[in-house]
């Protein structure tokens, strides 16, 4: 992404990476079913690398999306929302510290939910 005169310009490279991540997330959700959280939503964390950059991708979806990718029924407004955190540069110590803190927070939350 580049900012020119206040406008945001997405490069095709960014879109291709996001398309790839979306396809990977859909395949992962379809091949490995999950349990919903207390609010009935499903969430997943994916760590993605694009050359020298690292991204955290958080996906949130519901039963309608699972039905869409398994049965192909788009009538109930299937929606997969993905949030991207990053890029993190492995050569920048402050980026790695932040990435480590994010991963530690996610792991801590998973341990809390598991107990």
N, C-alpha and C. Protein backbone atom coordinates (compact mmCIF):
# COMPACT_ATOMS: atom_id res chain seq x y z
N UNK A 1 0.85 -1.17 0.00
CA UNK A 1 0.00 0.00 0.00
C UNK A 1 0.90 1.22 0.00
N UNK A 2 0.54 2.21 -0.76
CA UNK A 2 1.26 3.48 -0.79
C UNK A 2 0.27 4.61 -0.62
N UNK A 3 0.72 5.69 0.00
CA UNK A 3 -0.15 6.85 0.19
C UNK A 3 0.40 7.98 -0.68
N UNK A 4 -0.41 8.46 -1.60
CA UNK A 4 -0.03 9.53 -2.50
C UNK A 4 -1.03 10.67 -2.37
N UNK A 5 -0.59 11.80 -1.84
CA UNK A 5 -1.46 12.96 -1.72
C UNK A 5 -2.72 12.69 -0.92
N UNK A 6 -2.62 11.85 0.10
CA UNK A 6 -3.77 11.55 0.94
C UNK A 6 -4.61 10.38 0.44
N UNK A 7 -4.37 9.93 -0.80
CA UNK A 7 -5.12 8.79 -1.33
C UNK A 7 -4.34 7.51 -1.08
N UNK A 8 -5.05 6.45 -0.81
CA UNK A 8 -4.41 5.16 -0.59
C UNK A 8 -4.45 4.38 -1.89
N UNK A 9 -3.30 3.88 -2.31
CA UNK A 9 -3.20 3.11 -3.54
C UNK A 9 -2.73 1.70 -3.18
N UNK A 10 -3.57 0.72 -3.49
CA UNK A 10 -3.20 -0.68 -3.24
C UNK A 10 -2.52 -1.22 -4.48
N UNK A 11 -1.42 -1.91 -4.29
CA UNK A 11 -0.76 -2.50 -5.44
C UNK A 11 -1.38 -3.86 -5.74
N UNK A 12 -1.21 -4.32 -6.96
CA UNK A 12 -1.72 -5.62 -7.35
C UNK A 12 -1.07 -6.71 -6.50
N UNK A 13 0.19 -6.50 -6.12
CA UNK A 13 0.90 -7.46 -5.28
C UNK A 13 0.16 -7.64 -3.96
N UNK A 14 -0.32 -6.56 -3.36
CA UNK A 14 -1.07 -6.65 -2.11
C UNK A 14 -2.35 -7.45 -2.32
N UNK A 15 -3.05 -7.20 -3.41
CA UNK A 15 -4.30 -7.91 -3.68
C UNK A 15 -4.04 -9.40 -3.88
N UNK A 16 -2.99 -9.74 -4.60
CA UNK A 16 -2.70 -11.16 -4.83
C UNK A 16 -2.41 -11.87 -3.52
N UNK A 17 -1.67 -11.23 -2.64
CA UNK A 17 -1.39 -11.83 -1.34
C UNK A 17 -2.68 -12.00 -0.55
N UNK A 18 -3.54 -11.00 -0.57
CA UNK A 18 -4.80 -11.08 0.17
C UNK A 18 -5.73 -12.14 -0.43
N UNK A 19 -5.75 -12.27 -1.75
CA UNK A 19 -6.55 -13.32 -2.38
C UNK A 19 -6.03 -14.69 -1.95
N UNK A 20 -4.71 -14.85 -1.94
CA UNK A 20 -4.10 -16.11 -1.54
C UNK A 20 -4.44 -16.43 -0.09
N UNK A 21 -4.33 -15.44 0.78
CA UNK A 21 -4.64 -15.65 2.20
C UNK A 21 -6.11 -16.00 2.40
N UNK A 22 -7.00 -15.37 1.65
CA UNK A 22 -8.43 -15.68 1.74
C UNK A 22 -8.70 -17.11 1.29
N UNK A 23 -8.07 -17.53 0.21
CA UNK A 23 -8.25 -18.90 -0.29
C UNK A 23 -7.70 -19.91 0.72
N UNK A 24 -6.55 -19.60 1.31
CA UNK A 24 -5.98 -20.51 2.31
C UNK A 24 -6.87 -20.60 3.54
N UNK A 25 -7.41 -19.49 3.96
CA UNK A 25 -8.29 -19.49 5.14
C UNK A 25 -9.54 -20.32 4.85
N UNK A 26 -10.15 -20.13 3.69
CA UNK A 26 -11.35 -20.89 3.34
C UNK A 26 -11.05 -22.39 3.29
N UNK A 27 -9.91 -22.76 2.70
CA UNK A 27 -9.54 -24.18 2.63
C UNK A 27 -9.30 -24.75 4.03
N UNK A 28 -8.67 -23.98 4.88
CA UNK A 28 -8.39 -24.42 6.24
C UNK A 28 -9.70 -24.62 7.02
N UNK A 29 -10.61 -23.66 6.91
CA UNK A 29 -11.90 -23.75 7.60
C UNK A 29 -12.68 -24.96 7.11
N UNK A 30 -12.65 -25.19 5.81
CA UNK A 30 -13.40 -26.32 5.24
C UNK A 30 -12.80 -27.66 5.64
N UNK A 31 -11.48 -27.75 5.69
CA UNK A 31 -10.84 -29.04 5.97
C UNK A 31 -10.75 -29.36 7.46
N UNK A 32 -10.75 -28.35 8.31
CA UNK A 32 -10.63 -28.57 9.75
C UNK A 32 -11.71 -27.79 10.48
N UNK A 33 -12.88 -28.41 10.67
CA UNK A 33 -13.99 -27.72 11.35
C UNK A 33 -13.58 -27.26 12.75
N UNK A 34 -14.26 -26.25 13.22
CA UNK A 34 -13.92 -25.59 14.48
C UNK A 34 -15.15 -25.54 15.37
N UNK A 35 -14.97 -25.14 16.60
CA UNK A 35 -16.07 -24.94 17.54
C UNK A 35 -16.33 -23.44 17.67
N UNK A 36 -17.59 -23.03 17.72
CA UNK A 36 -17.87 -21.60 17.87
C UNK A 36 -17.54 -21.11 19.28
N UNK A 37 -17.33 -19.82 19.40
CA UNK A 37 -17.12 -19.20 20.70
C UNK A 37 -18.49 -19.02 21.37
N UNK A 38 -18.49 -18.47 22.56
CA UNK A 38 -19.75 -18.29 23.30
C UNK A 38 -20.75 -17.42 22.55
N UNK A 39 -20.26 -16.49 21.74
CA UNK A 39 -21.17 -15.62 21.00
C UNK A 39 -21.63 -16.23 19.67
N UNK A 40 -21.26 -17.49 19.42
CA UNK A 40 -21.70 -18.18 18.21
C UNK A 40 -20.86 -17.91 16.99
N UNK A 41 -19.80 -17.13 17.13
CA UNK A 41 -18.91 -16.82 16.01
C UNK A 41 -17.70 -17.76 16.06
N UNK A 42 -17.04 -17.89 14.94
CA UNK A 42 -15.82 -18.67 14.84
C UNK A 42 -14.67 -17.70 14.56
N UNK A 43 -13.50 -18.01 15.10
CA UNK A 43 -12.34 -17.14 14.87
C UNK A 43 -11.10 -18.00 14.66
N UNK A 44 -10.23 -17.52 13.78
CA UNK A 44 -8.97 -18.20 13.51
C UNK A 44 -7.86 -17.17 13.36
N UNK A 45 -6.66 -17.60 13.72
CA UNK A 45 -5.47 -16.78 13.55
C UNK A 45 -4.54 -17.49 12.58
N UNK A 46 -4.12 -16.78 11.55
CA UNK A 46 -3.17 -17.33 10.59
C UNK A 46 -1.95 -16.41 10.55
N UNK A 47 -0.78 -17.01 10.53
CA UNK A 47 0.46 -16.25 10.39
C UNK A 47 0.89 -16.41 8.94
N UNK A 48 1.09 -15.29 8.27
CA UNK A 48 1.38 -15.29 6.85
C UNK A 48 2.71 -14.59 6.59
N UNK A 49 3.47 -15.12 5.65
CA UNK A 49 4.73 -14.50 5.27
C UNK A 49 4.69 -14.17 3.79
N UNK A 50 5.10 -12.97 3.45
CA UNK A 50 5.22 -12.55 2.06
C UNK A 50 6.62 -12.00 1.90
N UNK A 51 7.48 -12.82 1.34
CA UNK A 51 8.90 -12.48 1.19
C UNK A 51 9.48 -12.16 2.56
N UNK A 52 9.82 -10.91 2.81
CA UNK A 52 10.47 -10.54 4.07
C UNK A 52 9.49 -9.94 5.08
N UNK A 53 8.21 -10.00 4.81
CA UNK A 53 7.22 -9.40 5.71
C UNK A 53 6.35 -10.49 6.34
N UNK A 54 5.97 -10.26 7.60
CA UNK A 54 5.12 -11.19 8.34
C UNK A 54 3.82 -10.47 8.67
N UNK A 55 2.71 -11.18 8.50
CA UNK A 55 1.39 -10.63 8.79
C UNK A 55 0.64 -11.58 9.71
N UNK A 56 -0.16 -11.03 10.59
CA UNK A 56 -1.11 -11.81 11.37
C UNK A 56 -2.48 -11.57 10.76
N UNK A 57 -3.19 -12.64 10.46
CA UNK A 57 -4.51 -12.54 9.86
C UNK A 57 -5.51 -13.15 10.84
N UNK A 58 -6.49 -12.38 11.24
CA UNK A 58 -7.54 -12.86 12.12
C UNK A 58 -8.82 -12.95 11.30
N UNK A 59 -9.41 -14.13 11.29
CA UNK A 59 -10.65 -14.36 10.54
C UNK A 59 -11.80 -14.58 11.50
N UNK A 60 -12.95 -14.03 11.16
CA UNK A 60 -14.17 -14.25 11.94
C UNK A 60 -15.29 -14.59 10.96
N UNK A 61 -16.09 -15.59 11.35
CA UNK A 61 -17.14 -16.06 10.46
C UNK A 61 -18.20 -16.78 11.28
N UNK A 62 -19.29 -17.13 10.62
CA UNK A 62 -20.40 -17.80 11.30
C UNK A 62 -20.80 -19.08 10.57
N UNK A 63 -21.87 -19.68 11.05
CA UNK A 63 -22.37 -20.92 10.45
C UNK A 63 -22.73 -20.74 8.98
N UNK A 64 -23.22 -19.57 8.61
CA UNK A 64 -23.60 -19.33 7.20
C UNK A 64 -22.39 -19.45 6.28
N UNK A 65 -21.22 -18.99 6.73
CA UNK A 65 -20.02 -19.09 5.91
C UNK A 65 -19.58 -20.55 5.78
N UNK A 66 -19.64 -21.29 6.89
CA UNK A 66 -19.28 -22.71 6.85
C UNK A 66 -20.20 -23.45 5.88
N UNK A 67 -21.49 -23.15 5.94
CA UNK A 67 -22.45 -23.76 5.03
C UNK A 67 -22.13 -23.39 3.58
N UNK A 68 -21.72 -22.16 3.36
CA UNK A 68 -21.38 -21.70 2.01
C UNK A 68 -20.19 -22.46 1.44
N UNK A 69 -19.12 -22.62 2.22
CA UNK A 69 -17.93 -23.28 1.65
C UNK A 69 -18.03 -24.80 1.64
N UNK A 70 -18.95 -25.38 2.41
CA UNK A 70 -19.09 -26.83 2.39
C UNK A 70 -20.20 -27.30 1.46
N UNK A 71 -21.30 -26.56 1.41
CA UNK A 71 -22.46 -26.96 0.60
C UNK A 71 -22.62 -26.08 -0.64
N UNK A 72 -22.14 -24.85 -0.56
CA UNK A 72 -22.27 -23.93 -1.68
C UNK A 72 -23.54 -23.12 -1.65
N UNK A 73 -24.13 -22.96 -0.47
CA UNK A 73 -25.40 -22.23 -0.33
C UNK A 73 -25.13 -20.77 0.05
N UNK A 74 -25.22 -19.84 -0.91
CA UNK A 74 -24.96 -18.43 -0.61
C UNK A 74 -26.20 -17.64 -0.18
N UNK A 75 -27.33 -18.31 0.03
CA UNK A 75 -28.59 -17.60 0.27
C UNK A 75 -28.67 -16.94 1.64
N UNK A 76 -27.87 -17.37 2.59
CA UNK A 76 -27.99 -16.84 3.95
C UNK A 76 -26.89 -15.84 4.28
N UNK A 77 -26.47 -15.07 3.31
CA UNK A 77 -25.49 -14.01 3.51
C UNK A 77 -24.21 -14.50 4.19
N UNK A 78 -23.46 -15.37 3.50
CA UNK A 78 -22.21 -15.85 4.08
C UNK A 78 -21.17 -14.73 4.11
N UNK A 79 -20.46 -14.64 5.19
CA UNK A 79 -19.48 -13.57 5.31
C UNK A 79 -18.28 -14.05 6.10
N UNK A 80 -17.11 -13.86 5.54
CA UNK A 80 -15.84 -14.09 6.21
C UNK A 80 -15.18 -12.73 6.33
N UNK A 81 -14.90 -12.31 7.55
CA UNK A 81 -14.22 -11.04 7.78
C UNK A 81 -12.79 -11.35 8.20
N UNK A 82 -11.83 -10.72 7.54
CA UNK A 82 -10.43 -10.94 7.88
C UNK A 82 -9.78 -9.60 8.20
N UNK A 83 -9.07 -9.57 9.33
CA UNK A 83 -8.30 -8.40 9.73
C UNK A 83 -6.83 -8.73 9.59
N UNK A 84 -6.09 -7.78 9.10
CA UNK A 84 -4.66 -7.96 8.89
C UNK A 84 -3.89 -7.07 9.86
N UNK A 85 -2.93 -7.66 10.55
CA UNK A 85 -2.02 -6.91 11.42
C UNK A 85 -0.63 -7.07 10.82
N UNK A 86 0.00 -5.97 10.51
CA UNK A 86 1.33 -6.03 9.91
C UNK A 86 1.40 -5.07 8.74
N UNK A 87 2.47 -5.04 8.04
CA UNK A 87 3.54 -6.02 8.04
C UNK A 87 4.54 -5.80 9.18
N UNK A 88 5.10 -6.92 9.61
CA UNK A 88 6.21 -6.90 10.55
C UNK A 88 7.47 -7.20 9.77
N UNK A 89 8.49 -6.41 9.99
CA UNK A 89 9.78 -6.61 9.33
C UNK A 89 10.70 -7.38 10.27
N UNK A 90 11.18 -8.57 9.89
CA UNK A 90 12.04 -9.36 10.78
C UNK A 90 13.35 -8.67 11.14
N UNK A 91 13.77 -7.70 10.34
CA UNK A 91 15.03 -7.01 10.63
C UNK A 91 14.85 -5.81 11.56
N UNK A 92 13.62 -5.47 11.89
CA UNK A 92 13.34 -4.34 12.78
C UNK A 92 12.99 -4.88 14.17
N UNK A 93 13.85 -4.63 15.13
CA UNK A 93 13.67 -5.18 16.48
C UNK A 93 12.33 -4.76 17.09
N UNK A 94 11.92 -3.51 16.88
CA UNK A 94 10.63 -3.07 17.46
C UNK A 94 9.45 -3.82 16.83
N UNK A 95 9.56 -4.19 15.55
CA UNK A 95 8.51 -4.98 14.91
C UNK A 95 8.44 -6.38 15.52
N UNK A 96 9.60 -6.98 15.74
CA UNK A 96 9.65 -8.34 16.29
C UNK A 96 9.15 -8.34 17.73
N UNK A 97 9.46 -7.31 18.49
CA UNK A 97 8.93 -7.22 19.86
C UNK A 97 7.40 -7.13 19.84
N UNK A 98 6.87 -6.32 18.95
CA UNK A 98 5.41 -6.18 18.84
C UNK A 98 4.77 -7.49 18.37
N UNK A 99 5.38 -8.13 17.38
CA UNK A 99 4.87 -9.42 16.90
C UNK A 99 4.88 -10.45 18.03
N UNK A 100 5.98 -10.49 18.79
CA UNK A 100 6.07 -11.41 19.93
C UNK A 100 5.00 -11.13 20.97
N UNK A 101 4.75 -9.86 21.25
CA UNK A 101 3.72 -9.50 22.23
C UNK A 101 2.33 -9.92 21.73
N UNK A 102 2.07 -9.73 20.44
CA UNK A 102 0.78 -10.16 19.87
C UNK A 102 0.61 -11.66 19.98
N UNK A 103 1.64 -12.41 19.62
CA UNK A 103 1.55 -13.87 19.68
C UNK A 103 1.41 -14.36 21.11
N UNK A 104 2.10 -13.70 22.04
CA UNK A 104 1.97 -14.07 23.45
C UNK A 104 0.54 -13.82 23.94
N UNK A 105 -0.04 -12.70 23.54
CA UNK A 105 -1.42 -12.39 23.94
C UNK A 105 -2.40 -13.41 23.37
N UNK A 106 -2.21 -13.79 22.10
CA UNK A 106 -3.09 -14.79 21.49
C UNK A 106 -2.95 -16.14 22.20
N UNK A 107 -1.71 -16.55 22.49
CA UNK A 107 -1.48 -17.83 23.17
C UNK A 107 -2.08 -17.81 24.57
N UNK A 108 -1.93 -16.70 25.26
CA UNK A 108 -2.49 -16.58 26.61
C UNK A 108 -4.01 -16.70 26.57
N UNK A 109 -4.62 -16.07 25.59
CA UNK A 109 -6.08 -16.14 25.45
C UNK A 109 -6.54 -17.58 25.15
N UNK A 110 -5.79 -18.27 24.31
CA UNK A 110 -6.13 -19.66 24.00
C UNK A 110 -6.03 -20.54 25.24
N UNK A 111 -5.00 -20.32 26.05
CA UNK A 111 -4.86 -21.10 27.28
C UNK A 111 -6.01 -20.82 28.24
N UNK A 112 -6.43 -19.56 28.31
CA UNK A 112 -7.56 -19.20 29.16
C UNK A 112 -8.84 -19.88 28.69
N UNK A 113 -9.07 -19.88 27.39
CA UNK A 113 -10.27 -20.51 26.83
C UNK A 113 -10.24 -22.02 26.99
N UNK A 114 -9.05 -22.61 26.96
CA UNK A 114 -8.93 -24.07 27.06
C UNK A 114 -9.15 -24.58 28.47
N UNK A 115 -8.98 -23.72 29.47
CA UNK A 115 -9.12 -24.19 30.86
C UNK A 115 -10.49 -23.96 31.43
